[in-house]
Every structure is written in structure tokens, then in C-alpha cells.
C-alpha atoms as a PDB file:
ATOM      1  CA  MET A   1       8.678 -12.664  23.322  1.00  0.00           C
ATOM      2  CA  ASN A   2       9.705 -10.812  20.174  1.00  0.00           C
ATOM      3  CA  HIS A   3       6.784 -10.462  17.752  1.00  0.00           C
ATOM      4  CA  SER A   4       8.593  -8.308  15.199  1.00  0.00           C
ATOM      5  CA  LEU A   5       8.925  -9.437  11.625  1.00  0.00           C
ATOM      6  CA  PRO A   6      12.304 -10.195  10.098  1.00  0.00           C
ATOM      7  CA  ILE A   7      13.513  -7.151   8.163  1.00  0.00           C
ATOM      8  CA  ASP A   8      12.861  -8.825   4.794  1.00  0.00           C
ATOM      9  CA  ALA A   9       9.196  -9.395   5.740  1.00  0.00           C
ATOM     10  CA  ASP A  10       8.571  -6.079   7.504  1.00  0.00           C
ATOM     11  CA  PRO A  11       6.095  -3.990   5.466  1.00  0.00           C
ATOM     12  CA  ALA A  12       7.522  -0.827   7.036  1.00  0.00           C
ATOM     13  CA  GLN A  13      10.836  -1.455   5.288  1.00  0.00           C
ATOM     14  CA  PRO A  14      11.180  -0.225   1.696  1.00  0.00           C
ATOM     15  CA  GLY A  15      11.360  -2.967  -0.879  1.00  0.00           C
ATOM     16  CA  VAL A  16      10.662  -3.913  -4.443  1.00  0.00           C
ATOM     17  CA  THR A  17       7.264  -2.627  -5.568  1.00  0.00           C
ATOM     18  CA  ALA A  18       6.927  -4.930  -8.574  1.00  0.00           C
ATOM     19  CA  ALA A  19       8.781  -7.829 -10.077  1.00  0.00           C
ATOM     20  CA  PRO A  20      10.742  -6.936 -13.200  1.00  0.00           C
ATOM     21  CA  GLY A  21       9.900  -8.468 -16.549  1.00  0.00           C
ATOM     22  CA  ARG A  22       6.803 -10.027 -18.029  1.00  0.00           C
ATOM     23  CA  ARG A  23       4.220 -11.413 -15.664  1.00  0.00           C
ATOM     24  CA  PRO A  24       3.749 -15.179 -15.978  1.00  0.00           C
ATOM     25  CA  ASP A  25       0.345 -16.511 -16.937  1.00  0.00           C
ATOM     26  CA  SER A  26      -1.703 -16.735 -13.756  1.00  0.00           C
ATOM     27  CA  PRO A  27      -3.026 -20.124 -12.721  1.00  0.00           C
ATOM     28  CA  GLN A  28      -6.796 -20.420 -12.635  1.00  0.00           C
ATOM     29  CA  PHE A  29      -8.250 -21.260  -9.204  1.00  0.00           C
ATOM     30  CA  THR A  30     -11.964 -21.089  -9.967  1.00  0.00           C
ATOM     31  CA  ALA A  31     -14.159 -22.009 -12.920  1.00  0.00           C
ATOM     32  CA  ASP A  32     -14.558 -18.332 -13.797  1.00  0.00           C
ATOM     33  CA  PRO A  33     -11.412 -16.384 -14.775  1.00  0.00           C
ATOM     34  CA  MET A  34     -13.133 -13.088 -13.849  1.00  0.00           C
ATOM     35  CA  VAL A  35     -13.627 -14.364 -10.290  1.00  0.00           C
ATOM     36  CA  ASP A  36      -9.897 -15.139 -10.204  1.00  0.00           C
ATOM     37  CA  ARG A  37      -9.181 -11.589 -11.358  1.00  0.00           C
ATOM     38  CA  LEU A  38     -11.511 -10.215  -8.702  1.00  0.00           C
ATOM     39  CA  TYR A  39      -9.613 -12.234  -6.094  1.00  0.00           C
ATOM     40  CA  GLY A  40      -6.381 -10.772  -7.460  1.00  0.00           C
ATOM     41  CA  VAL A  41      -7.663  -7.210  -7.118  1.00  0.00           C
ATOM     42  CA  THR A  42      -8.995  -7.919  -3.632  1.00  0.00           C
ATOM     43  CA  LEU A  43      -5.707  -9.406  -2.451  1.00  0.00           C
ATOM     44  CA  ALA A  44      -3.758  -6.503  -3.958  1.00  0.00           C
ATOM     45  CA  LEU A  45      -5.992  -4.063  -2.066  1.00  0.00           C
ATOM     46  CA  VAL A  46      -5.572  -6.004   1.172  1.00  0.00           C
ATOM     47  CA  ALA A  47      -1.780  -5.999   0.799  1.00  0.00           C
ATOM     48  CA  GLU A  48      -1.649  -2.286  -0.049  1.00  0.00           C
ATOM     49  CA  LEU A  49      -3.892  -1.354   2.861  1.00  0.00           C
ATOM     50  CA  ALA A  50      -1.958  -3.499   5.344  1.00  0.00           C
ATOM     51  CA  VAL A  51       1.338  -1.856   4.403  1.00  0.00           C
ATOM     52  CA  THR A  52      -0.212   1.611   4.420  1.00  0.00           C
ATOM     53  CA  ARG A  53      -1.775   1.147   7.858  1.00  0.00           C
ATOM     54  CA  THR A  54       1.486  -0.143   9.322  1.00  0.00           C
ATOM     55  CA  ARG A  55       3.502   2.738   7.889  1.00  0.00           C
ATOM     56  CA  LEU A  56       0.904   5.326   8.919  1.00  0.00           C
ATOM     57  CA  ASP A  57       0.769   3.969  12.457  1.00  0.00           C
ATOM     58  CA  THR A  58       4.568   4.051  12.654  1.00  0.00           C
ATOM     59  CA  LEU A  59       4.734   7.607  11.363  1.00  0.00           C
ATOM     60  CA  GLU A  60       2.046   8.908  13.706  1.00  0.00           C
ATOM     61  CA  ARG A  61       3.676   7.229  16.720  1.00  0.00           C
ATOM     62  CA  VAL A  62       7.127   8.609  15.904  1.00  0.00           C
ATOM     63  CA  LEU A  63       5.828  12.132  15.325  1.00  0.00           C
ATOM     64  CA  ALA A  64       3.631  12.135  18.422  1.00  0.00           C
ATOM     65  CA  GLY A  65       6.434  10.642  20.512  1.00  0.00           C
ATOM     66  CA  ARG A  66       8.730  13.469  19.465  1.00  0.00           C
ATOM     67  CA  GLY A  67       6.028  16.063  20.026  1.00  0.00           C
ATOM     68  CA  VAL A  68       6.225  17.164  16.390  1.00  0.00           C
ATOM     69  CA  VAL A  69       2.667  16.530  15.206  1.00  0.00           C
ATOM     70  CA  GLY A  70      -0.433  15.534  17.092  1.00  0.00           C
ATOM     71  CA  GLU A  71      -3.687  13.977  15.958  1.00  0.00           C
ATOM     72  CA  ALA A  72      -5.393  17.378  15.662  1.00  0.00           C
ATOM     73  CA  ASP A  73      -2.627  18.615  13.335  1.00  0.00           C
ATOM     74  CA  ILE A  74      -3.239  15.664  11.022  1.00  0.00           C
ATOM     75  CA  ASP A  75      -7.019  16.080  11.098  1.00  0.00           C
ATOM     76  CA  GLN A  76      -6.792  19.804  10.284  1.00  0.00           C
ATOM     77  CA  TYR A  77      -4.203  19.548   7.466  1.00  0.00           C
ATOM     78  CA  ARG A  78      -5.239  20.812   4.025  1.00  0.00           C
ATOM     79  CA  ALA A  79      -3.047  19.872   1.046  1.00  0.00           C
ATOM     80  CA  ASP A  80      -1.755  22.622  -1.231  1.00  0.00           C
ATOM     81  CA  GLU A  81      -1.763  22.370  -5.035  1.00  0.00           C
ATOM     82  CA  LEU A  82       1.651  20.667  -5.269  1.00  0.00           C
ATOM     83  CA  ALA A  83       0.695  18.087  -2.652  1.00  0.00           C
ATOM     84  CA  GLN A  84      -2.567  17.418  -4.491  1.00  0.00           C
ATOM     85  CA  GLU A  85      -0.685  16.848  -7.770  1.00  0.00           C
ATOM     86  CA  GLN A  86       1.775  14.501  -6.069  1.00  0.00           C
ATOM     87  CA  ARG A  87      -1.075  12.610  -4.422  1.00  0.00           C
ATOM     88  CA  SER A  88      -2.783  12.242  -7.803  1.00  0.00           C
ATOM     89  CA  GLN A  89       0.382  10.692  -9.234  1.00  0.00           C
ATOM     90  CA  LEU A  90       0.705   8.313  -6.277  1.00  0.00           C
ATOM     91  CA  GLN A  91      -2.953   7.355  -6.638  1.00  0.00           C
ATOM     92  CA  ALA A  92      -2.512   6.587 -10.355  1.00  0.00           C
ATOM     93  CA  GLU A  93       0.473   4.347  -9.559  1.00  0.00           C
ATOM     94  CA  TYR A  94      -1.485   2.662  -6.778  1.00  0.00           C
ATOM     95  CA  LEU A  95      -4.458   1.958  -9.031  1.00  0.00           C
ATOM     96  CA  ALA A  96      -2.150   0.513 -11.690  1.00  0.00           C
ATOM     97  CA  ARG A  97      -0.741  -1.934  -9.104  1.00  0.00           C
ATOM     98  CA  VAL A  98      -4.133  -2.895  -7.712  1.00  0.00           C
ATOM     99  CA  LEU A  99      -5.865  -3.281 -11.050  1.00  0.00           C
ATOM    100  CA  ARG A 100      -2.957  -5.166 -12.622  1.00  0.00           C
ATOM    101  CA  ALA A 101      -4.905  -8.407 -12.115  1.00  0.00           C
ATOM    102  CA  LEU A 102      -7.428  -7.190 -14.686  1.00  0.00           C
ATOM    103  CA  ASP A 103      -4.832  -6.916 -17.488  1.00  0.00           C
END
């Protein structure tokens, strides 16, 4: 049985990171709009983590399968200054996506 996702639902495939244009007013699901915002942040985090874990697992399996990088190589890696700057930029973009529900 094939358990793979269709390509348009596969989180390992690149896709649109955000819908263009103005965000519509969000419907309210609870009596407290801040609880709704908290749910929004939580769901954004869950989605981001799920995609990240899938992509990381794929990358580690491909690299290990090709004998390029093993688990010890990953554990011992130390980022240089350029990598740290790039990671900071990625983290800022990530936080903007996750915290968008609080706008």
C-alpha cells in the first residue's frame, strides 16, 4: 500500500510560504480573541515543526545512505559566522510567520 502524499500535499516539496495580499479577518472560534490568536500561533508552530522534521529526516537519510554525512558529523558541526548570520535571518522570517496570528 502506498502511504505517500500527493506531490501537492507533500511537505518535503517546496511550495508557497505565504498567501499574497491582505489577510482576511479571522473568524472567532472562542469567546476570547486572544485564545484564538494563541491557537493560531500554536497551529503555525505545529505546521512549521512538522515540515522541518520531515525535511530533516529526508536529508539525514539521503546523506547517510550515500555515505556523505553520518550522525556524528551532524552532532559535532559548529556553524561559522556566515552560517550564524544566515540562520539568524531564517529565524527572523520563521518568527514572523509563526507570530503572524498576533498581528
